[in-house]
Protein backbone atom coordinates (compact mmCIF):
# COMPACT_ATOMS: atom_id res chain seq x y z
CA MET A 1 61.02 -17.26 28.19
CA PHE A 2 59.65 -19.82 25.73
CA ASN A 3 56.96 -17.44 24.43
CA ALA A 4 59.46 -14.59 24.02
CA SER A 5 61.83 -16.86 22.09
CA ILE A 6 59.07 -18.06 19.78
CA ALA A 7 57.90 -14.47 19.20
CA LEU A 8 61.42 -13.41 18.27
CA LEU A 9 61.91 -16.36 15.89
CA ARG A 10 58.47 -15.75 14.36
CA ALA A 11 59.36 -12.10 13.69
CA MET A 12 62.76 -13.00 12.23
CA PHE A 13 61.30 -15.58 9.86
CA LYS A 14 58.44 -13.24 8.91
CA PHE A 15 61.03 -10.63 7.93
CA ALA A 16 63.08 -13.24 6.05
CA ALA A 17 59.98 -14.51 4.22
CA SER A 18 58.91 -10.98 3.26
CA HIS A 19 62.34 -10.48 1.69
CA GLU A 20 62.16 -13.89 0.01
CA LEU A 21 65.14 -15.21 1.98
CA VAL A 22 63.11 -18.25 3.07
CA LYS A 23 60.07 -19.90 1.49
CA SER A 24 57.87 -19.89 4.58
CA ASN A 25 57.78 -19.10 8.28
CA PRO A 26 57.93 -22.37 10.26
CA PHE A 27 57.05 -20.50 13.47
CA SER A 28 53.83 -18.92 12.20
CA THR A 29 51.67 -21.82 13.41
CA ILE A 30 53.23 -22.23 16.86
CA SER A 31 50.92 -20.94 19.58
CA LYS A 32 51.87 -19.31 22.85
CA VAL A 33 52.15 -21.64 25.81
CA ARG A 34 50.07 -20.71 28.81
CA ILE A 35 52.16 -21.07 31.93
CA GLU A 36 50.44 -21.18 35.29
CA SER A 37 52.25 -19.10 37.87
CA LYS A 38 52.59 -20.53 41.33
CA THR A 39 52.55 -18.40 44.45
CA ARG A 40 55.15 -19.53 46.92
CA PHE A 41 55.87 -18.14 50.35
CA LEU A 42 59.20 -18.23 52.14
CA SER A 43 59.36 -20.26 55.33
CA LYS A 44 60.64 -18.71 58.56
CA ILE A 45 63.88 -20.62 58.11
CA GLU A 46 64.30 -19.31 54.54
CA ILE A 47 63.65 -15.75 55.71
CA ALA A 48 66.23 -16.13 58.47
CA LYS A 49 68.78 -17.46 55.96
CA LEU A 50 68.00 -14.58 53.59
CA PHE A 51 68.50 -11.98 56.32
CA ASP A 52 71.67 -13.73 57.45
CA SER A 53 73.08 -13.70 53.92
CA LEU A 54 72.37 -9.96 53.64
CA LYS A 55 74.56 -9.07 56.64
CA GLU A 56 77.54 -8.53 54.32
CA GLU A 57 75.57 -6.20 52.03
CA LYS A 58 75.05 -2.45 52.32
CA GLN A 59 72.44 -1.35 54.86
CA ILE A 60 70.14 0.04 52.16
CA TYR A 61 69.84 -3.42 50.58
CA GLN A 62 69.08 -4.97 53.95
CA ASP A 63 66.40 -2.34 54.58
CA VAL A 64 64.74 -2.79 51.19
CA VAL A 65 64.59 -6.59 51.53
CA GLN A 66 63.15 -6.29 55.04
CA ILE A 67 60.45 -3.89 53.83
CA LEU A 68 59.61 -6.26 50.97
CA ILE A 69 59.38 -9.28 53.28
CA TYR A 70 57.54 -7.65 56.18
CA THR A 71 55.02 -5.64 54.15
CA GLY A 72 54.43 -7.85 51.12
CA GLN A 73 54.56 -4.80 48.86
CA ARG A 74 55.64 -5.12 45.27
CA LYS A 75 59.21 -4.13 44.54
CA GLY A 76 58.12 -1.23 42.34
CA ASN A 77 56.16 0.27 45.24
CA VAL A 78 59.11 -0.05 47.60
CA TYR A 79 61.65 1.28 45.08
CA SER A 80 59.52 4.36 44.41
CA MET A 81 58.85 5.09 48.10
CA GLU A 82 59.58 8.58 49.35
CA TRP A 83 60.79 9.56 52.81
CA LYS A 84 57.50 11.33 53.55
CA GLU A 85 55.76 7.92 53.39
CA LEU A 86 57.87 6.57 56.28
CA ASP A 87 57.30 7.38 59.94
CA LEU A 88 60.25 5.91 61.80
CA GLY A 89 58.91 7.22 65.13
CA VAL A 90 56.01 4.76 65.08
CA LEU A 91 57.53 2.39 62.52
CA SER A 92 54.80 2.85 59.92
CA ILE A 93 54.62 3.16 56.16
CA THR A 94 51.91 5.09 54.36
CA VAL A 95 50.87 3.35 51.14
CA LEU A 96 49.39 5.75 48.64
CA ILE A 97 46.62 4.37 46.43
CA ILE A 98 46.16 6.28 43.20
CA ASN A 99 43.22 5.48 40.94
CA VAL A 100 44.17 6.06 37.34
């Protein structure tokens, strides 16, 4: 969020400076901040609470969250899944790997 805000302000002041609305761009020398992402896993208790809180939601939302939790797939993969990738008889999911 910080980097996006700085980029927006930098672009605004660059535009303003090019139209001589301001003398200089005070954001031109500010560098991006590198933010380390942390991987965090839900505990069994947190998963149970999550599933419990979903009981009031539509079944499709419950199903999607369960697939995300139990398979570890990315949400984009789950959202783009097709019925032919699911085998409910043996409870399996086929994950297609496409090399681009």
